[in-house]
Each structure stands twice: as C-alpha cells, then as structure tokens.
Amino acid sequence: MKQDLLSISITSRLDKLLSLAKEQGLSQKDLAARAGISAVGLSQAKSRGDLRVSTLEALANALDMTIDFVPRHSRQSAIQSIRGGRFLRLGEEEQV
C-alpha cells in the first residue's frame, strides 16, 4: 500500500512538472531533452508512475524549479489559518 501512495505522489509531482512545462510552451519531449533524459524514458516513467528522484530533480531543474519537502501539518495549519482569517496579523488585535 505504501508503494501505491508513493506512486500517486510521484505521479502527481510529475504531472505538475509536465503542466508547468506546457505553460512555458514546452512539450514532454522538449522537457526531457532539457533535463538530459530520453523522451521514451520519461514516457515510460509516466506510464509506470515511478521514476528516480534524480530524474524528478533533473526535470524540475530544467524548469528552474526545486523539489522541497514541506511538513504536511504545517501546510494543513496554514490552510486552516487562511480559512479562519488568521493567516496574516497586521497588529495585535487586527486580523486579515
């Protein structure tokens, strides 16, 4: 089951990178070339839902992006703060 979750996580990140490439006018083949990997290899990795972290990093670097680890709890806390109007504090009593 953990492998399935990992594949979903990797696939979603790869999909995000491919979407960003498309926004920049790059095809999947163009992105692969910029990252120094074969288009066939990228296509196979995408269909498997599995690729090396070094490949993911190369794709991110080709788009001038980084791969960062963000604690889930911090993200959830930020979402709750935004929804609750407590994200930015302008003063001790003012909230936005």
Protein backbone atom coordinates (compact mmCIF):
# COMPACT_ATOMS: atom_id res chain seq x y z
CA MET A 1 0.00 0.00 0.00
CA LYS A 2 2.86 2.40 0.75
CA GLN A 3 4.19 1.81 -2.76
CA ASP A 4 0.82 2.81 -4.20
CA LEU A 5 0.85 6.04 -2.18
CA LEU A 6 4.38 6.75 -3.32
CA SER A 7 3.44 6.17 -6.95
CA ILE A 8 0.50 8.55 -6.62
CA SER A 9 2.74 11.15 -5.00
CA ILE A 10 5.41 10.85 -7.69
CA THR A 11 2.82 10.82 -10.48
CA SER A 12 1.16 13.97 -9.18
CA ARG A 13 4.51 15.77 -9.00
CA LEU A 14 5.44 14.61 -12.47
CA ASP A 15 2.05 15.76 -13.78
CA LYS A 16 2.64 19.15 -12.15
CA LEU A 17 6.04 19.48 -13.81
CA LEU A 18 4.58 18.49 -17.19
CA SER A 19 1.81 21.05 -16.72
CA LEU A 20 4.36 23.76 -15.90
CA ALA A 21 6.37 22.80 -18.97
CA LYS A 22 3.25 23.08 -21.12
CA GLU A 23 2.56 26.55 -19.67
CA GLN A 24 6.06 27.50 -20.82
CA GLY A 25 5.36 26.18 -24.30
CA LEU A 26 7.43 23.02 -23.86
CA SER A 27 6.32 19.59 -24.97
CA GLN A 28 7.10 16.49 -22.93
CA LYS A 29 9.83 15.74 -25.49
CA ASP A 30 11.30 19.26 -25.08
CA LEU A 31 11.30 18.94 -21.30
CA ALA A 32 13.00 15.56 -21.46
CA ALA A 33 15.70 16.99 -23.74
CA ARG A 34 16.31 19.93 -21.41
CA ALA A 35 16.59 17.53 -18.48
CA GLY A 36 19.05 15.31 -20.33
CA ILE A 37 16.81 12.25 -20.41
CA SER A 38 15.14 10.44 -23.28
CA ALA A 39 11.57 11.24 -24.20
CA VAL A 40 10.85 7.49 -24.28
CA GLY A 41 12.23 7.08 -20.77
CA LEU A 42 10.10 9.94 -19.49
CA SER A 43 7.02 8.49 -21.19
CA GLN A 44 7.68 5.06 -19.67
CA ALA A 45 8.24 6.53 -16.22
CA LYS A 46 5.00 8.48 -16.53
CA SER A 47 3.02 5.38 -17.51
CA ARG A 48 4.62 3.34 -14.68
CA GLY A 49 4.06 6.10 -12.15
CA ASP A 50 7.61 5.57 -10.96
CA LEU A 51 10.87 7.40 -11.55
CA ARG A 52 14.11 8.11 -9.79
CA VAL A 53 14.39 11.14 -7.58
CA SER A 54 17.37 12.23 -9.67
CA THR A 55 15.14 12.21 -12.76
CA LEU A 56 12.44 14.20 -10.98
CA GLU A 57 15.11 16.66 -9.87
CA ALA A 58 16.50 16.97 -13.41
CA LEU A 59 13.01 17.72 -14.74
CA ALA A 60 12.44 20.33 -12.03
CA ASN A 61 15.84 21.91 -12.72
CA ALA A 62 15.01 22.10 -16.43
CA LEU A 63 12.04 24.29 -15.46
CA ASP A 64 14.07 26.33 -12.95
CA MET A 65 12.14 24.71 -10.10
CA THR A 66 13.23 22.96 -6.92
CA ILE A 67 11.91 19.96 -5.07
CA ASP A 68 11.24 20.78 -1.44
CA PHE A 69 9.89 18.81 1.47
CA VAL A 70 7.11 20.59 3.31
CA PRO A 71 5.64 19.16 6.51
CA ARG A 72 2.02 18.17 5.94
CA HIS A 73 0.97 19.51 9.30
CA SER A 74 2.37 22.95 8.54
CA ARG A 75 0.50 23.01 5.25
CA GLN A 76 -2.73 21.96 6.91
CA SER A 77 -2.21 24.54 9.64
CA ALA A 78 -1.69 27.26 7.02
CA ILE A 79 -4.86 26.22 5.20
CA GLN A 80 -6.85 26.38 8.44
CA SER A 81 -5.39 29.79 9.25
CA ILE A 82 -6.27 31.14 5.83
CA ARG A 83 -9.79 29.79 6.03
CA GLY A 84 -10.18 31.15 9.56
CA GLY A 85 -8.89 34.60 8.57
CA ARG A 86 -5.82 34.23 10.78
CA PHE A 87 -3.09 33.97 8.16
CA LEU A 88 -1.65 37.47 8.47
CA ARG A 89 -1.68 39.55 11.61
CA LEU A 90 -1.48 43.27 11.00
CA GLY A 91 -1.42 44.22 14.64
CA GLU A 92 -2.02 42.60 17.95
CA GLU A 93 -5.77 42.68 17.51
CA GLU A 94 -6.27 43.21 13.78
CA GLN A 95 -6.55 40.13 11.60
CA VAL A 96 -6.83 39.67 7.87
